Each structure stands twice: as structure tokens, then as C-alpha cells.
PDB file of N, CA and C in Angstrom:
ATOM      1  N   MET A   1     -37.859  43.230  72.786  1.00  0.00           N
ATOM      2  CA  MET A   1     -37.004  42.222  72.876  1.00  0.00           C
ATOM      3  C   MET A   1     -37.720  41.161  73.556  1.00  0.00           C
ATOM      4  N   LEU A   2     -38.305  41.104  74.227  1.00  0.00           N
ATOM      5  CA  LEU A   2     -39.001  39.914  74.817  1.00  0.00           C
ATOM      6  C   LEU A   2     -40.072  39.408  74.035  1.00  0.00           C
ATOM      7  N   GLY A   3     -40.683  40.193  72.980  1.00  0.00           N
ATOM      8  CA  GLY A   3     -41.657  39.644  72.213  1.00  0.00           C
ATOM      9  C   GLY A   3     -40.822  39.107  71.053  1.00  0.00           C
ATOM     10  N   ASN A   4     -39.525  39.483  70.592  1.00  0.00           N
ATOM     11  CA  ASN A   4     -38.941  39.070  69.691  1.00  0.00           C
ATOM     12  C   ASN A   4     -38.290  37.409  69.903  1.00  0.00           C
ATOM     13  N   LEU A   5     -37.941  37.367  71.410  1.00  0.00           N
ATOM     14  CA  LEU A   5     -37.409  35.867  71.799  1.00  0.00           C
ATOM     15  C   LEU A   5     -38.841  35.163  71.821  1.00  0.00           C
ATOM     16  N   ILE A   6     -39.829  35.293  72.569  1.00  0.00           N
ATOM     17  CA  ILE A   6     -40.941  34.704  72.455  1.00  0.00           C
ATOM     18  C   ILE A   6     -41.365  34.423  71.007  1.00  0.00           C
ATOM     19  N   GLY A   7     -41.245  35.341  69.990  1.00  0.00           N
ATOM     20  CA  GLY A   7     -41.461  35.030  68.585  1.00  0.00           C
ATOM     21  C   GLY A   7     -40.806  34.025  68.116  1.00  0.00           C
ATOM     22  N   GLY A   8     -39.523  33.954  68.233  1.00  0.00           N
ATOM     23  CA  GLY A   8     -38.582  33.100  68.204  1.00  0.00           C
ATOM     24  C   GLY A   8     -38.738  31.588  68.455  1.00  0.00           C
ATOM     25  N   PHE A   9     -38.945  31.485  69.851  1.00  0.00           N
ATOM     26  CA  PHE A   9     -39.831  30.256  70.482  1.00  0.00           C
ATOM     27  C   PHE A   9     -40.966  29.574  69.629  1.00  0.00           C
ATOM     28  N   ILE A  10     -41.646  30.529  69.465  1.00  0.00           N
ATOM     29  CA  ILE A  10     -42.994  29.972  68.504  1.00  0.00           C
ATOM     30  C   ILE A  10     -42.694  29.538  67.270  1.00  0.00           C
ATOM     31  N   VAL A  11     -41.634  30.137  66.585  1.00  0.00           N
ATOM     32  CA  VAL A  11     -41.202  29.632  65.376  1.00  0.00           C
ATOM     33  C   VAL A  11     -40.794  28.391  65.366  1.00  0.00           C
ATOM     34  N   ILE A  12     -39.789  28.155  66.487  1.00  0.00           N
ATOM     35  CA  ILE A  12     -39.219  26.893  66.585  1.00  0.00           C
ATOM     36  C   ILE A  12     -40.184  25.923  67.030  1.00  0.00           C
ATOM     37  N   LEU A  13     -41.177  26.226  67.839  1.00  0.00           N
ATOM     38  CA  LEU A  13     -42.456  25.596  68.204  1.00  0.00           C
ATOM     39  C   LEU A  13     -43.315  24.691  66.892  1.00  0.00           C
ATOM     40  N   VAL A  14     -43.678  25.723  66.433  1.00  0.00           N
ATOM     41  CA  VAL A  14     -44.469  25.436  65.018  1.00  0.00           C
ATOM     42  C   VAL A  14     -43.688  24.723  64.063  1.00  0.00           C
ATOM     43  N   GLY A  15     -42.490  24.680  63.881  1.00  0.00           N
ATOM     44  CA  GLY A  15     -41.488  24.384  62.821  1.00  0.00           C
ATOM     45  C   GLY A  15     -41.208  22.770  63.217  1.00  0.00           C
ATOM     46  N   VAL A  16     -40.973  22.734  64.620  1.00  0.00           N
ATOM     47  CA  VAL A  16     -40.948  21.387  64.822  1.00  0.00           C
ATOM     48  C   VAL A  16     -42.064  20.660  64.978  1.00  0.00           C
ATOM     49  N   THR A  17     -43.427  21.065  65.242  1.00  0.00           N
ATOM     50  CA  THR A  17     -44.419  20.397  64.996  1.00  0.00           C
ATOM     51  C   THR A  17     -44.879  19.982  63.567  1.00  0.00           C
ATOM     52  N   LEU A  18     -44.384  20.763  62.628  1.00  0.00           N
ATOM     53  CA  LEU A  18     -44.766  20.512  61.312  1.00  0.00           C
ATOM     54  C   LEU A  18     -43.749  19.746  60.623  1.00  0.00           C
ATOM     55  N   ALA A  19     -42.771  19.648  61.090  1.00  0.00           N
ATOM     56  CA  ALA A  19     -41.575  18.796  60.511  1.00  0.00           C
ATOM     57  C   ALA A  19     -41.924  17.447  60.139  1.00  0.00           C
ATOM     58  N   PRO A  20     -42.499  16.431  61.389  1.00  0.00           N
ATOM     59  CA  PRO A  20     -43.125  15.007  60.825  1.00  0.00           C
ATOM     60  C   PRO A  20     -44.147  15.391  59.719  1.00  0.00           C
ATOM     61  N   THR A  21     -44.815  16.226  59.555  1.00  0.00           N
ATOM     62  CA  THR A  21     -46.009  16.097  58.325  1.00  0.00           C
ATOM     63  C   THR A  21     -44.983  16.573  57.016  1.00  0.00           C
ATOM     64  N   VAL A  22     -44.192  17.521  57.155  1.00  0.00           N
ATOM     65  CA  VAL A  22     -43.480  17.518  55.824  1.00  0.00           C
ATOM     66  C   VAL A  22     -42.548  16.271  55.581  1.00  0.00           C
ATOM     67  N   SER A  23     -41.815  15.622  56.631  1.00  0.00           N
ATOM     68  CA  SER A  23     -41.491  14.287  56.295  1.00  0.00           C
ATOM     69  C   SER A  23     -42.251  13.214  55.747  1.00  0.00           C
ATOM     70  N   ASP A  24     -43.376  13.055  56.277  1.00  0.00           N
ATOM     71  CA  ASP A  24     -44.493  12.248  55.762  1.00  0.00           C
ATOM     72  C   ASP A  24     -44.650  12.555  54.369  1.00  0.00           C
ATOM     73  N   ALA A  25     -45.111  13.820  53.750  1.00  0.00           N
ATOM     74  CA  ALA A  25     -45.237  14.374  52.603  1.00  0.00           C
ATOM     75  C   ALA A  25     -44.024  14.037  51.849  1.00  0.00           C
ATOM     76  N   VAL A  26     -42.827  14.270  51.932  1.00  0.00           N
ATOM     77  CA  VAL A  26     -41.663  13.867  51.174  1.00  0.00           C
ATOM     78  C   VAL A  26     -41.614  12.290  50.943  1.00  0.00           C
ATOM     79  N   LYS A  27     -42.077  11.544  51.834  1.00  0.00           N
ATOM     80  CA  LYS A  27     -41.882  10.202  51.717  1.00  0.00           C
ATOM     81  C   LYS A  27     -42.969   9.454  50.860  1.00  0.00           C
ATOM     82  N   LEU A  28     -44.019   9.994  51.049  1.00  0.00           N
ATOM     83  CA  LEU A  28     -45.260   9.909  49.799  1.00  0.00           C
ATOM     84  C   LEU A  28     -44.651  10.101  48.477  1.00  0.00           C
ATOM     85  N   ALA A  29     -44.339  11.226  48.443  1.00  0.00           N
ATOM     86  CA  ALA A  29     -43.795  11.878  47.183  1.00  0.00           C
ATOM     87  C   ALA A  29     -42.816  10.726  46.575  1.00  0.00           C
ATOM     88  N   GLN A  30     -41.710  10.412  47.321  1.00  0.00           N
ATOM     89  CA  GLN A  30     -40.897   9.514  47.063  1.00  0.00           C
ATOM     90  C   GLN A  30     -41.124   8.186  46.621  1.00  0.00           C
ATOM     91  N   ASN A  31     -42.222   7.585  47.300  1.00  0.00           N
ATOM     92  CA  ASN A  31     -42.795   6.245  46.975  1.00  0.00           C
ATOM     93  C   ASN A  31     -43.595   6.399  45.905  1.00  0.00           C
ATOM     94  N   SER A  32     -43.827   7.516  45.422  1.00  0.00           N
ATOM     95  CA  SER A  32     -44.744   7.342  44.035  1.00  0.00           C
ATOM     96  C   SER A  32     -43.812   6.987  43.249  1.00  0.00           C
ATOM     97  N   ASN A  33     -43.929   6.263  41.651  1.00  0.00           N
ATOM     98  CA  ASN A  33     -43.039   5.783  41.128  1.00  0.00           C
ATOM     99  C   ASN A  33     -42.696   6.877  39.988  1.00  0.00           C
ATOM    100  N   ASN A  34     -43.336   8.159  39.815  1.00  0.00           N
ATOM    101  CA  ASN A  34     -43.039   9.150  38.969  1.00  0.00           C
ATOM    102  C   ASN A  34     -42.065   9.817  39.315  1.00  0.00           C
ATOM    103  N   ILE A  35     -41.013   9.691  40.317  1.00  0.00           N
ATOM    104  CA  ILE A  35     -40.224  10.667  40.913  1.00  0.00           C
ATOM    105  C   ILE A  35     -38.714   9.781  40.874  1.00  0.00           C
ATOM    106  N   THR A  36     -37.900  10.158  39.998  1.00  0.00           N
ATOM    107  CA  THR A  36     -36.455   9.524  39.758  1.00  0.00           C
ATOM    108  C   THR A  36     -35.404  10.056  39.521  1.00  0.00           C
ATOM    109  N   GLY A  37     -34.084   9.925  40.083  1.00  0.00           N
ATOM    110  CA  GLY A  37     -33.062  10.529  39.592  1.00  0.00           C
ATOM    111  C   GLY A  37     -32.950  11.625  40.675  1.00  0.00           C
ATOM    112  N   ALA A  38     -32.427  13.089  40.077  1.00  0.00           N
ATOM    113  CA  ALA A  38     -31.776  14.267  40.783  1.00  0.00           C
ATOM    114  C   ALA A  38     -33.301  14.700  41.432  1.00  0.00           C
ATOM    115  N   ALA A  39     -34.551  14.508  40.668  1.00  0.00           N
ATOM    116  CA  ALA A  39     -35.568  15.041  41.194  1.00  0.00           C
ATOM    117  C   ALA A  39     -36.132  14.144  42.538  1.00  0.00           C
ATOM    118  N   ASP A  40     -35.848  13.036  42.760  1.00  0.00           N
ATOM    119  CA  ASP A  40     -36.134  12.376  43.734  1.00  0.00           C
ATOM    120  C   ASP A  40     -34.952  12.560  45.042  1.00  0.00           C
ATOM    121  N   THR A  41     -33.848  13.082  44.607  1.00  0.00           N
ATOM    122  CA  THR A  41     -32.789  13.649  45.559  1.00  0.00           C
ATOM    123  C   THR A  41     -32.904  14.984  46.111  1.00  0.00           C
ATOM    124  N   VAL A  42     -33.728  15.924  45.130  1.00  0.00           N
ATOM    125  CA  VAL A  42     -33.732  17.016  45.935  1.00  0.00           C
ATOM    126  C   VAL A  42     -35.251  17.008  46.566  1.00  0.00           C
ATOM    127  N   ILE A  43     -36.176  16.018  46.347  1.00  0.00           N
ATOM    128  CA  ILE A  43     -37.123  16.191  47.281  1.00  0.00           C
ATOM    129  C   ILE A  43     -36.891  15.693  48.454  1.00  0.00           C
ATOM    130  N   GLY A  44     -35.900  14.550  48.540  1.00  0.00           N
ATOM    131  CA  GLY A  44     -35.467  14.095  49.686  1.00  0.00           C
ATOM    132  C   GLY A  44     -34.583  15.061  50.535  1.00  0.00           C
ATOM    133  N   LEU A  45     -34.290  16.206  50.105  1.00  0.00           N
ATOM    134  CA  LEU A  45     -33.397  17.065  51.056  1.00  0.00           C
ATOM    135  C   LEU A  45     -34.560  18.117  51.391  1.00  0.00           C
ATOM    136  N   THR A  46     -35.753  18.283  51.178  1.00  0.00           N
ATOM    137  CA  THR A  46     -36.874  18.945  51.328  1.00  0.00           C
ATOM    138  C   THR A  46     -36.867  19.113  53.099  1.00  0.00           C
ATOM    139  N   THR A  47     -36.908  17.967  53.667  1.00  0.00           N
ATOM    140  CA  THR A  47     -37.125  18.124  54.998  1.00  0.00           C
ATOM    141  C   THR A  47     -36.101  18.784  55.943  1.00  0.00           C
ATOM    142  N   LEU A  48     -34.732  18.354  55.282  1.00  0.00           N
ATOM    143  CA  LEU A  48     -33.689  19.093  55.619  1.00  0.00           C
ATOM    144  C   LEU A  48     -33.657  20.787  55.647  1.00  0.00           C
ATOM    145  N   PHE A  49     -33.979  21.074  54.257  1.00  0.00           N
ATOM    146  CA  PHE A  49     -34.154  22.507  54.093  1.00  0.00           C
ATOM    147  C   PHE A  49     -35.145  23.313  54.897  1.00  0.00           C
ATOM    148  N   PHE A  50     -36.224  22.631  55.256  1.00  0.00           N
ATOM    149  CA  PHE A  50     -37.530  23.118  55.929  1.00  0.00           C
ATOM    150  C   PHE A  50     -36.699  23.269  57.350  1.00  0.00           C
ATOM    151  N   CYS A  51     -36.232  22.260  57.907  1.00  0.00           N
ATOM    152  CA  CYS A  51     -35.881  22.285  59.332  1.00  0.00           C
ATOM    153  C   CYS A  51     -34.733  23.539  59.352  1.00  0.00           C
ATOM    154  N   LEU A  52     -33.839  23.662  58.478  1.00  0.00           N
ATOM    155  CA  LEU A  52     -32.568  24.880  58.647  1.00  0.00           C
ATOM    156  C   LEU A  52     -33.345  25.952  58.311  1.00  0.00           C
ATOM    157  N   SER A  53     -34.331  26.114  57.651  1.00  0.00           N
ATOM    158  CA  SER A  53     -35.096  27.519  57.422  1.00  0.00           C
ATOM    159  C   SER A  53     -35.714  27.825  58.611  1.00  0.00           C
ATOM    160  N   ILE A  54     -36.252  26.822  59.541  1.00  0.00           N
ATOM    161  CA  ILE A  54     -37.025  27.158  60.637  1.00  0.00           C
ATOM    162  C   ILE A  54     -35.932  27.468  61.795  1.00  0.00           C
ATOM    163  N   ALA A  55     -34.874  27.064  61.693  1.00  0.00           N
ATOM    164  CA  ALA A  55     -33.636  27.339  62.471  1.00  0.00           C
ATOM    165  C   ALA A  55     -33.127  28.674  62.320  1.00  0.00           C
ATOM    166  N   GLY A  56     -32.818  29.006  61.025  1.00  0.00           N
ATOM    167  CA  GLY A  56     -32.327  30.116  60.821  1.00  0.00           C
ATOM    168  C   GLY A  56     -33.425  31.128  60.967  1.00  0.00           C
ATOM    169  N   ALA A  57     -34.503  31.286  60.661  1.00  0.00           N
ATOM    170  CA  ALA A  57     -35.588  32.366  61.014  1.00  0.00           C
ATOM    171  C   ALA A  57     -35.433  32.194  62.420  1.00  0.00           C
ATOM    172  N   ALA A  58     -35.633  31.343  63.291  1.00  0.00           N
ATOM    173  CA  ALA A  58     -35.639  31.458  64.875  1.00  0.00           C
ATOM    174  C   ALA A  58     -34.434  32.428  65.477  1.00  0.00           C
ATOM    175  N   ILE A  59     -33.281  31.959  64.827  1.00  0.00           N
ATOM    176  CA  ILE A  59     -31.976  32.447  65.175  1.00  0.00           C
ATOM    177  C   ILE A  59     -32.125  34.106  64.613  1.00  0.00           C
ATOM    178  N   GLY A  60     -32.432  34.394  63.556  1.00  0.00           N
ATOM    179  CA  GLY A  60     -32.633  35.576  63.285  1.00  0.00           C
ATOM    180  C   GLY A  60     -33.634  36.503  64.064  1.00  0.00           C
ATOM    181  N   ILE A  61     -34.811  35.971  64.388  1.00  0.00           N
ATOM    182  CA  ILE A  61     -35.781  36.513  65.138  1.00  0.00           C
ATOM    183  C   ILE A  61     -35.303  37.029  66.550  1.00  0.00           C
ATOM    184  N   ALA A  62     -34.385  36.017  67.021  1.00  0.00           N
ATOM    185  CA  ALA A  62     -33.732  36.267  68.509  1.00  0.00           C
ATOM    186  C   ALA A  62     -32.635  36.984  68.285  1.00  0.00           C
ATOM    187  N   THR A  63     -31.886  37.046  67.481  1.00  0.00           N
ATOM    188  CA  THR A  63     -30.763  38.294  67.086  1.00  0.00           C
ATOM    189  C   THR A  63     -31.239  39.459  67.040  1.00  0.00           C
ATOM    190  N   VAL A  64     -32.519  39.833  66.214  1.00  0.00           N
ATOM    191  CA  VAL A  64     -32.983  41.003  66.518  1.00  0.00           C
ATOM    192  C   VAL A  64     -33.207  41.616  67.638  1.00  0.00           C
ATOM    193  N   GLY A  65     -33.953  40.785  68.360  1.00  0.00           N
ATOM    194  CA  GLY A  65     -34.559  40.898  69.542  1.00  0.00           C
ATOM    195  C   GLY A  65     -33.240  41.193  70.879  1.00  0.00           C
ATOM    196  N   LEU A  66     -32.324  40.398  70.655  1.00  0.00           N
ATOM    197  CA  LEU A  66     -31.258  40.802  71.448  1.00  0.00           C
ATOM    198  C   LEU A  66     -30.089  42.098  71.039  1.00  0.00           C
ATOM    199  N   ARG A  67     -30.232  42.290  69.803  1.00  0.00           N
ATOM    200  CA  ARG A  67     -29.673  43.727  69.136  1.00  0.00           C
ATOM    201  C   ARG A  67     -30.489  45.024  69.616  1.00  0.00           C
ATOM    202  N   ASN A  68     -31.702  44.751  69.526  1.00  0.00           N
ATOM    203  CA  ASN A  68     -32.655  46.042  70.009  1.00  0.00           C
ATOM    204  C   ASN A  68     -32.279  46.136  71.229  1.00  0.00           C
ATOM    205  N   SER A  69     -32.255  45.115  72.288  1.00  0.00           N
ATOM    206  CA  SER A  69     -32.019  45.440  73.719  1.00  0.00           C
ATOM    207  C   SER A  69     -30.706  45.936  73.941  1.00  0.00           C
ATOM    208  N   GLY A  70     -29.568  45.593  72.972  1.00  0.00           N
ATOM    209  CA  GLY A  70     -28.086  46.197  73.375  1.00  0.00           C
ATOM    210  C   GLY A  70     -27.378  45.061  73.939  1.00  0.00           C
ATOM    211  N   LEU A  71     -27.989  43.786  73.878  1.00  0.00           N
ATOM    212  CA  LEU A  71     -27.118  42.702  74.275  1.00  0.00           C
ATOM    213  C   LEU A  71     -26.223  42.386  73.417  1.00  0.00           C
ATOM    214  N   MET A  72     -26.464  42.690  72.104  1.00  0.00           N
ATOM    215  CA  MET A  72     -25.656  41.857  70.895  1.00  0.00           C
ATOM    216  C   MET A  72     -25.241  43.241  70.230  1.00  0.00           C
TER     217      MET A  72
END
């Protein structure tokens, strides 16, 4: 249980640390003149999807830990 909770916090820590890097890469891709229209919109949502996936993974890991301990 404790290992899963610590793992969830590590996932959050790594994700939050990498979020600015992902955001910078997305802005760099959007500022190039090769991407327009729908592709630009999808690339703009990449940072949102990255942050949501990090949060979902951390919540899933914490839920498994709580379920194994009998608290949930």
C-alpha cells in the first residue's frame, strides 16, 4: 500500500517536472509555419492531455494501493 502511494507521488512529481518541457516543445512546434488548421489545434491540446494522463496514472496507482489495503 505505502509503495503504491509513494509511486503515485513520484509519478506526479515527474509529470509536473516535465510539463514545462512538454509545453515548450508544443509552442516550438506551433511557432513553425508548417502546422496549420486542425493539426495546430491538436498539437495545442498535447500539454492538456499530458497533464491529464499524469493525473490519471497517479490516481490509478493510489486507488490500487488503497484497494489493496482495504480502505477502498
